[in-house]
Protein backbone atom coordinates (compact mmCIF):
# COMPACT_ATOMS: atom_id res chain seq x y z
CA MET A 1 51.48 128.50 203.40
CA ARG A 2 52.56 126.79 206.63
CA ASN A 3 55.65 128.15 208.33
CA ILE A 4 58.42 125.58 208.08
CA VAL A 5 61.26 125.49 210.60
CA VAL A 6 64.60 123.82 211.19
CA VAL A 7 64.83 122.62 214.78
CA ASP A 8 68.48 121.58 214.55
CA GLY A 9 70.99 119.83 212.34
CA VAL A 10 74.18 117.84 212.72
CA ARG A 11 76.96 116.42 210.62
CA THR A 12 79.73 113.93 211.05
CA PRO A 13 83.19 115.45 210.98
CA PHE A 14 84.09 116.00 207.32
CA LEU A 15 87.29 114.08 206.57
CA LEU A 16 89.74 113.93 203.68
CA SER A 17 88.91 110.83 201.66
CA GLY A 18 91.24 107.94 202.33
CA THR A 19 91.54 108.71 206.05
CA SER A 20 89.53 107.42 209.04
CA TYR A 21 86.34 106.64 207.09
CA LYS A 22 88.06 104.73 204.28
CA ASP A 23 86.78 101.27 205.32
CA LEU A 24 83.15 102.34 205.80
CA MET A 25 80.18 102.35 203.45
CA PRO A 26 78.05 105.45 202.76
CA HIS A 27 75.12 104.21 204.82
CA ASP A 28 77.45 103.95 207.85
CA LEU A 29 78.12 107.69 207.68
CA ALA A 30 74.47 108.51 206.94
CA ARG A 31 73.41 106.36 209.89
CA ALA A 32 75.89 108.22 212.11
CA ALA A 33 74.38 111.57 211.07
CA LEU A 34 70.85 110.29 211.75
CA SER A 35 71.87 108.88 215.14
CA GLY A 36 73.55 112.19 215.99
CA LEU A 37 70.39 114.08 215.05
CA LEU A 38 68.25 111.77 217.21
CA HIS A 39 70.61 112.32 220.12
CA ARG A 40 70.78 116.10 219.60
CA THR A 41 67.03 116.67 219.23
CA SER A 42 65.54 113.71 221.19
CA VAL A 43 62.88 113.50 218.48
CA PRO A 44 60.83 110.30 218.90
CA LYS A 45 61.59 108.04 215.95
CA ASP A 46 57.94 107.19 215.38
CA VAL A 47 57.03 110.87 214.95
CA VAL A 48 59.18 111.25 211.82
CA ASP A 49 56.91 111.01 208.77
CA TYR A 50 59.56 110.79 206.06
CA ILE A 51 63.34 110.70 205.49
CA ILE A 52 65.15 112.07 202.43
CA PHE A 53 68.89 111.95 201.70
CA GLY A 54 70.98 113.33 198.89
CA THR A 55 74.00 111.57 197.41
CA VAL A 56 75.98 111.83 194.17
CA ILE A 57 78.18 108.78 193.58
CA GLN A 58 75.95 105.93 194.64
CA GLU A 59 77.13 102.74 196.27
CA VAL A 60 75.49 100.03 194.13
CA LYS A 61 74.52 97.86 197.11
CA THR A 62 72.66 100.70 198.85
CA SER A 63 71.25 102.76 196.00
CA ASN A 64 68.47 104.04 198.27
CA VAL A 65 70.94 105.00 200.99
CA ALA A 66 68.28 106.98 202.89
CA ARG A 67 66.30 103.81 203.56
CA GLU A 68 69.32 101.72 204.59
CA ALA A 69 70.64 104.44 206.90
CA ALA A 70 67.21 104.98 208.48
CA LEU A 71 66.82 101.27 209.24
CA GLY A 72 70.36 101.17 210.62
CA ALA A 73 69.68 104.18 212.88
CA GLY A 74 66.64 102.43 214.34
CA PHE A 75 63.84 104.34 212.64
CA SER A 76 60.58 102.49 212.20
CA ASP A 77 60.38 100.27 209.13
CA LYS A 78 57.04 102.03 208.56
CA THR A 79 58.82 105.35 207.86
CA PRO A 80 59.30 105.86 204.10
CA ALA A 81 62.64 107.11 202.82
CA HIS A 82 64.02 108.04 199.44
CA THR A 83 67.30 109.28 197.96
CA VAL A 84 67.76 112.21 195.58
CA THR A 85 70.68 113.26 193.43
CA MET A 86 71.41 116.73 192.04
CA ALA A 87 75.20 116.89 192.11
CA CYS A 88 76.56 119.29 194.75
CA ILE A 89 73.06 120.51 195.68
CA SER A 90 71.67 117.05 196.46
CA SER A 91 71.02 117.73 200.15
CA ASN A 92 69.59 121.14 199.20
CA GLN A 93 67.12 119.18 197.08
CA ALA A 94 66.47 116.84 200.02
CA MET A 95 65.64 119.83 202.25
CA THR A 96 63.40 121.59 199.74
CA THR A 97 61.61 118.31 199.02
CA ALA A 98 60.95 118.15 202.76
CA VAL A 99 59.63 121.73 202.63
CA GLY A 100 57.25 120.71 199.83
CA LEU A 101 55.95 117.68 201.74
CA ILE A 102 55.26 119.79 204.82
CA ALA A 103 53.87 122.81 202.96
CA SER A 104 51.38 120.59 201.10
CA GLY A 105 50.22 119.02 204.35
CA GLN A 106 51.44 115.54 203.46
CA CYS A 107 53.88 115.46 206.39
CA ASP A 108 54.60 117.35 209.61
CA VAL A 109 58.06 116.04 210.50
CA VAL A 110 60.76 115.24 207.92
CA VAL A 111 64.45 114.46 208.29
CA ALA A 112 66.59 115.61 205.35
CA GLY A 113 70.27 114.97 204.88
CA GLY A 114 73.06 113.93 202.58
CA VAL A 115 76.08 111.68 202.42
CA GLU A 116 79.18 111.08 200.30
CA LEU A 117 82.01 108.58 200.67
CA MET A 118 84.75 109.40 198.18
CA SER A 119 87.12 106.87 199.79
CA ASP A 120 85.35 104.05 197.97
CA VAL A 121 83.71 104.74 194.62
CA PRO A 122 82.26 102.13 192.25
CA ILE A 123 84.82 101.12 189.62
CA ARG A 124 83.26 99.12 186.81
CA HIS A 125 84.50 96.60 184.33
CA SER A 126 84.61 97.90 180.75
CA ARG A 127 81.42 97.71 178.71
CA LYS A 128 82.86 94.87 176.60
CA MET A 129 83.79 92.89 179.70
CA ARG A 130 80.38 93.44 181.29
CA LYS A 131 78.66 92.27 178.09
CA MET A 132 80.81 89.14 177.93
CA MET A 133 80.11 88.29 181.58
CA LEU A 134 76.36 88.75 181.11
CA ASP A 135 76.39 86.63 177.94
CA LEU A 136 78.42 83.92 179.72
CA SER A 137 75.85 83.78 182.51
CA LYS A 138 73.17 83.04 179.89
CA ALA A 139 75.19 80.55 177.83
CA LYS A 140 73.72 77.05 178.10
CA THR A 141 76.38 74.83 176.53
CA LEU A 142 80.14 74.46 176.79
CA GLY A 143 80.43 75.33 173.11
CA GLN A 144 78.60 78.63 173.61
CA ARG A 145 80.85 79.46 176.55
CA LEU A 146 84.06 78.65 174.66
CA SER A 147 82.86 80.71 171.69
CA LEU A 148 82.34 83.73 173.96
CA VAL A 149 85.65 83.30 175.78
CA SER A 150 87.50 83.14 172.44
CA LYS A 151 86.43 86.75 171.81
CA PHE A 152 88.10 87.99 175.01
CA ARG A 153 90.84 90.62 174.54
CA LEU A 154 93.19 92.05 177.18
CA ASN A 155 91.78 95.56 176.74
CA PHE A 156 88.46 94.24 178.09
CA LEU A 157 90.14 94.43 181.52
CA SER A 158 90.53 98.22 181.43
CA PRO A 159 88.35 99.54 184.29
CA GLU A 160 85.90 102.43 184.05
CA LEU A 161 86.54 105.03 186.74
CA PRO A 162 83.89 107.56 187.80
CA ALA A 163 84.98 111.07 186.81
CA VAL A 164 84.07 114.46 188.24
CA ALA A 165 83.31 115.56 184.68
CA GLU A 166 80.33 116.78 182.72
CA PHE A 167 78.69 114.05 180.66
CA SER A 168 77.43 116.61 178.12
CA THR A 169 80.78 118.35 177.57
CA ASN A 170 83.29 115.74 178.84
CA GLU A 171 85.07 118.53 180.72
CA THR A 172 86.21 118.12 184.32
CA MET A 173 84.91 120.65 186.81
CA GLY A 174 88.46 121.76 187.64
CA HIS A 175 89.17 122.50 183.98
CA SER A 176 85.94 124.51 183.81
CA ALA A 177 86.90 126.41 186.97
CA ASP A 178 90.25 127.29 185.43
CA ARG A 179 88.57 128.65 182.30
CA LEU A 180 86.07 130.59 184.44
CA ALA A 181 88.88 132.19 186.47
CA ALA A 182 90.61 133.20 183.25
CA ALA A 183 87.39 134.61 181.78
CA PHE A 184 86.94 136.84 184.84
CA ALA A 185 90.66 137.75 184.99
CA ILE A 186 91.15 136.25 188.45
CA SER A 187 94.82 135.75 189.24
CA ARG A 188 96.48 132.77 190.90
CA LEU A 189 97.41 135.01 193.85
CA GLU A 190 93.79 136.14 194.35
CA GLN A 191 92.66 132.52 194.37
CA ASP A 192 95.36 131.50 196.84
CA GLU A 193 94.52 134.46 199.10
CA TYR A 194 90.85 133.49 199.14
CA ALA A 195 91.68 129.84 199.94
CA LEU A 196 93.96 130.97 202.78
CA ARG A 197 91.10 133.13 204.10
CA SER A 198 88.76 130.11 204.09
CA HIS A 199 91.23 127.88 205.97
CA SER A 200 92.14 130.62 208.47
CA LEU A 201 88.49 131.41 209.26
CA ALA A 202 87.64 127.71 209.57
CA LYS A 203 90.56 127.17 211.96
CA LYS A 204 89.40 130.11 214.07
CA ALA A 205 85.77 128.90 214.11
CA GLN A 206 86.87 125.38 215.02
CA GLY A 207 89.07 126.67 217.84
CA GLU A 208 86.26 128.83 219.23
CA GLY A 209 83.76 125.94 219.21
CA LEU A 210 81.51 127.62 216.63
CA LEU A 211 81.15 124.51 214.44
CA SER A 212 78.50 123.17 216.81
CA ASP A 213 76.79 121.07 214.15
CA VAL A 214 79.69 118.58 214.22
CA VAL A 215 78.93 115.45 216.28
CA PRO A 216 81.61 112.91 217.32
CA PHE A 217 81.60 109.61 215.46
CA LYS A 218 83.12 106.40 216.83
CA VAL A 219 84.55 104.70 213.75
CA PRO A 220 84.16 100.92 214.17
CA GLY A 221 87.54 99.43 215.11
CA LYS A 222 89.15 102.87 215.25
CA ASP A 223 89.18 105.98 217.40
CA THR A 224 86.37 108.48 217.82
CA VAL A 225 86.56 111.29 215.25
CA THR A 226 85.62 114.67 216.72
CA GLN A 227 86.51 117.33 214.14
CA ASP A 228 87.07 118.08 210.46
CA ASN A 229 90.60 117.15 209.36
CA GLY A 230 91.02 119.16 206.15
CA ILE A 231 91.46 122.57 207.80
CA ARG A 232 95.09 123.39 207.11
CA PRO A 233 96.05 127.06 206.96
CA SER A 234 99.27 127.30 204.97
CA SER A 235 101.18 130.32 203.68
CA LEU A 236 100.96 132.06 200.34
CA GLU A 237 104.61 131.12 199.77
CA GLN A 238 103.89 127.41 200.23
CA MET A 239 100.73 127.60 198.11
CA ALA A 240 102.62 129.33 195.30
CA LYS A 241 104.89 126.28 194.97
CA LEU A 242 102.06 124.02 193.81
CA LYS A 243 101.67 123.26 190.14
CA PRO A 244 98.40 123.76 188.23
CA ALA A 245 96.11 120.77 188.71
CA PHE A 246 94.08 120.88 185.50
CA ILE A 247 95.35 123.19 182.75
CA LYS A 248 99.11 122.74 182.54
CA PRO A 249 101.42 124.61 182.67
CA TYR A 250 99.55 127.94 182.72
CA GLY A 251 96.41 127.21 184.72
CA THR A 252 95.70 128.90 188.05
CA VAL A 253 93.58 126.24 189.80
CA THR A 254 95.67 124.10 192.15
CA ALA A 255 95.08 121.58 194.94
CA ALA A 256 95.47 124.44 197.44
CA ASN A 257 92.68 126.62 196.02
CA SER A 258 90.22 123.78 195.27
CA SER A 259 87.91 121.86 197.57
CA PHE A 260 89.24 118.38 198.33
CA LEU A 261 87.61 114.95 197.99
CA THR A 262 85.72 114.47 201.23
CA ASP A 263 83.82 111.84 203.21
CA GLY A 264 80.93 112.96 205.41
CA ALA A 265 77.21 113.06 206.13
CA SER A 266 74.71 115.59 207.45
CA ALA A 267 71.09 115.63 208.63
CA VAL A 268 68.54 118.27 209.67
CA LEU A 269 65.17 118.05 211.41
CA ILE A 270 62.50 120.01 209.53
CA LEU A 271 58.97 120.53 210.91
CA ALA A 272 55.82 122.53 210.45
CA GLU A 273 56.12 125.37 212.97
CA GLU A 274 52.93 124.46 214.82
CA LYS A 275 54.12 120.85 215.18
CA ALA A 276 57.52 121.96 216.48
CA LEU A 277 55.94 124.19 219.11
CA ALA A 278 53.43 121.50 220.11
CA MET A 279 56.38 119.14 220.67
CA GLY A 280 58.09 121.72 222.88
CA TYR A 281 60.90 122.64 220.47
CA LYS A 282 62.54 126.04 220.12
CA PRO A 283 63.36 126.14 216.39
CA LYS A 284 66.59 127.66 215.12
CA ALA A 285 65.32 129.11 211.85
CA TYR A 286 62.56 129.36 209.27
CA LEU A 287 63.20 127.97 205.79
CA ARG A 288 61.76 130.62 203.47
CA ASP A 289 61.84 131.09 199.71
CA PHE A 290 64.14 129.04 197.50
CA VAL A 291 64.94 128.75 193.79
CA TYR A 292 66.74 126.37 191.46
CA VAL A 293 68.41 127.63 188.29
CA SER A 294 70.07 126.08 185.26
CA GLN A 295 72.56 127.47 182.74
CA ASP A 296 74.85 126.39 179.93
CA PRO A 297 76.99 123.57 181.39
CA LYS A 298 79.99 124.52 179.28
CA ASP A 299 80.69 128.19 179.92
CA GLN A 300 78.48 128.87 182.94
CA LEU A 301 78.84 125.58 184.81
CA LEU A 302 79.76 127.17 188.15
CA LEU A 303 77.77 130.42 188.07
CA GLY A 304 74.64 129.10 189.81
CA PRO A 305 74.85 131.54 192.76
CA THR A 306 74.99 134.53 190.40
CA TYR A 307 71.76 133.48 188.69
CA ALA A 308 69.96 132.19 191.78
CA THR A 309 70.66 135.05 194.22
CA PRO A 310 68.66 137.87 192.54
CA LYS A 311 65.78 135.48 191.85
CA VAL A 312 65.45 134.32 195.45
CA LEU A 313 65.79 137.89 196.78
CA GLU A 314 62.99 139.08 194.48
CA LYS A 315 60.83 136.13 195.48
CA ALA A 316 61.30 136.97 199.15
CA GLY A 317 60.92 140.74 198.68
CA LEU A 318 64.42 141.36 200.04
CA THR A 319 67.60 143.11 198.87
CA MET A 320 71.27 142.29 199.42
CA ASN A 321 71.30 144.86 202.23
CA ASP A 322 68.72 142.82 204.15
CA ILE A 323 70.99 139.76 204.32
CA ASP A 324 73.04 139.40 207.49
CA ALA A 325 74.79 136.08 206.76
CA PHE A 326 75.89 134.69 203.39
CA GLU A 327 76.89 131.02 203.08
CA PHE A 328 78.02 130.08 199.57
CA HIS A 329 79.45 126.71 198.57
CA GLU A 330 83.16 127.03 197.75
CA ALA A 331 83.98 124.51 195.02
CA PHE A 332 87.07 126.47 193.95
CA SER A 333 88.48 129.85 194.93
CA GLY A 334 88.22 130.89 191.29
CA GLN A 335 84.55 129.88 191.18
CA ILE A 336 83.70 131.96 194.26
CA LEU A 337 85.63 135.02 193.03
CA ALA A 338 84.10 134.73 189.54
CA ASN A 339 80.60 134.66 191.05
CA LEU A 340 81.35 137.70 193.21
CA LYS A 341 82.62 139.58 190.14
CA ALA A 342 79.64 138.52 188.01
CA MET A 343 77.19 139.58 190.74
CA ASP A 344 78.86 143.00 190.87
CA SER A 345 78.76 143.57 187.10
CA ASP A 346 76.00 145.53 185.36
CA TRP A 347 77.44 144.34 182.04
CA PHE A 348 77.09 140.69 183.00
CA ALA A 349 73.59 141.24 184.35
CA GLN A 350 72.47 142.94 181.13
CA ASN A 351 74.22 140.72 178.59
CA TYR A 352 73.87 137.30 180.18
CA MET A 353 71.01 137.48 182.64
CA GLY A 354 68.56 139.80 180.93
CA ARG A 355 68.51 142.07 183.97
CA LYS A 356 68.77 145.87 184.01
CA THR A 357 71.18 146.11 186.91
CA LYS A 358 73.55 143.97 188.95
CA VAL A 359 72.42 142.38 192.20
CA GLY A 360 75.66 143.38 193.94
CA SER A 361 78.43 141.44 195.61
CA PRO A 362 78.07 140.18 199.21
CA PRO A 363 80.32 142.06 201.66
CA LEU A 364 83.14 139.76 202.76
CA GLU A 365 82.59 140.59 206.44
CA LYS A 366 79.25 138.73 206.14
CA PHE A 367 80.49 136.02 203.79
CA ASN A 368 81.49 132.46 204.83
CA ILE A 369 83.08 133.81 208.01
CA TRP A 370 83.31 130.36 209.65
CA GLY A 371 85.15 128.90 206.66
CA GLY A 372 83.65 127.07 203.71
CA SER A 373 83.93 124.01 201.49
CA LEU A 374 87.55 124.81 200.57
CA SER A 375 88.60 124.27 204.19
CA LEU A 376 85.81 122.36 205.95
CA GLY A 377 85.47 119.89 203.08
CA HIS A 378 82.83 119.09 200.49
CA PRO A 379 81.13 115.68 200.62
CA PHE A 380 79.08 116.30 197.46
CA GLY A 381 75.75 115.05 198.79
CA ALA A 382 76.07 116.57 202.29
CA THR A 383 77.21 120.18 201.85
CA GLY A 384 73.76 121.77 201.50
CA CYS A 385 72.72 120.88 205.05
CA ARG A 386 76.03 122.23 206.35
CA LEU A 387 75.37 125.54 204.60
CA VAL A 388 71.87 125.85 206.10
CA MET A 389 73.03 125.00 209.62
CA ALA A 390 76.00 127.37 209.39
CA THR A 391 73.57 130.12 208.37
CA ALA A 392 71.08 129.32 211.16
CA ASN A 393 73.82 129.13 213.80
CA ARG A 394 75.48 132.32 212.60
CA LEU A 395 72.18 134.23 212.68
CA GLN A 396 71.61 133.07 216.24
CA LYS A 397 75.09 134.04 217.38
CA GLU A 398 75.30 137.33 215.48
CA GLY A 399 71.72 138.45 216.10
CA GLY A 400 70.95 138.75 212.37
CA GLN A 401 67.55 138.11 210.79
CA TYR A 402 68.11 136.86 207.25
CA GLY A 403 70.68 134.53 205.73
CA LEU A 404 71.22 133.51 202.12
CA VAL A 405 72.52 130.08 201.12
CA ALA A 406 73.72 129.54 197.54
CA ALA A 407 75.56 126.84 195.63
CA CYS A 408 76.60 125.82 192.14
CA ALA A 409 76.35 122.23 190.91
CA ALA A 410 77.40 120.03 188.02
CA GLY A 411 75.17 120.27 184.98
CA GLY A 412 75.24 124.06 185.14
CA GLN A 413 72.66 124.06 187.93
CA GLY A 414 72.37 126.13 191.09
CA HIS A 415 70.33 126.78 194.20
CA ALA A 416 69.61 129.63 196.61
CA MET A 417 67.49 129.77 199.74
CA ILE A 418 66.52 132.38 202.32
CA VAL A 419 66.92 131.31 205.95
CA GLU A 420 65.30 133.48 208.62
CA ALA A 421 66.34 133.40 212.27
CA TYR A 422 63.65 132.19 214.65
CA PRO A 423 62.70 134.97 217.09
CA LYS A 424 64.41 134.60 220.47
């Protein structure tokens, strides 16, 4: 198979929803990420064979946001683009789709990315109201119209809001995270301590200039945004004052130990190695083996990393000891700590995974040491690219060889990928 490399990747600053990006549309952020990538890599636009973006909550006007963003960033109208959705691993899917296109010889140069704008989500009329409006548009006579209007009731005006909930179980992800933390006996204090770790490490990385994938973005009519704005190290005393967010009054998941609604976009440049070298690039990393997994969306909704990690290690012929940098998506502190416990449990491996032994828990000194989704933010469709670039940049800085990216996603799905540092 062809060697496939990441030359570089960028992201807009990840911002709390309702802040500086609140008046934009998703394609504005995606376009900013693409423009940042063009500026960072100087890749000629006409060399890019294909563009793929991930997103979760789609803006109706730009359902194929990859295409709209590509046109807005000045890519050729001859460059195809499509949009994928796979919950929180949507940009992971965009990247691995790019890998497939290059590995099969269909393309040499692909841009993959993701975007999410939680500041403005589609809010629909109720089903009854939508039906009435559609029927009214087809009514031909005044009598038909009056007959339809006479059926109108005030409750038709109740809007339908998008929910971060499972369609199959009707349970919100936060509620599921609370149950998962309880099932693995993870205390509120442990969750708060992990969240504080994430924010503290992110603050340190930001201060030291390690978050080099962030590119400034001039928001139209506003100031230039230069850094993530959700990094807020607090104190355990302050965090302890917060009330449970989902299961009241005894739950342990709070706003402080959960990832927050985030706006942001990311993009990476993926090439066949021989093409990258022919173009004079020094790649950052190889994209190696990857897996997708799926479990029961009720009781194992957030355990994707536990199932995906041993599979991808076996596929790559590696062990946990070979991994120098771990980058796991942090949806909730409880979710991360439950995964670490499950990975370190022979009982769980034998009874739930059909494996003889546990895979083992990643050592914390190698784990998310530049912060994670709890602190940096989690634009659903864009986090995967951030994880890959954090891994590639960490390997370069730390001199490691192998990194492991893993994430859970709605639907009980998950992803893991091996990233290998490009030789210096």
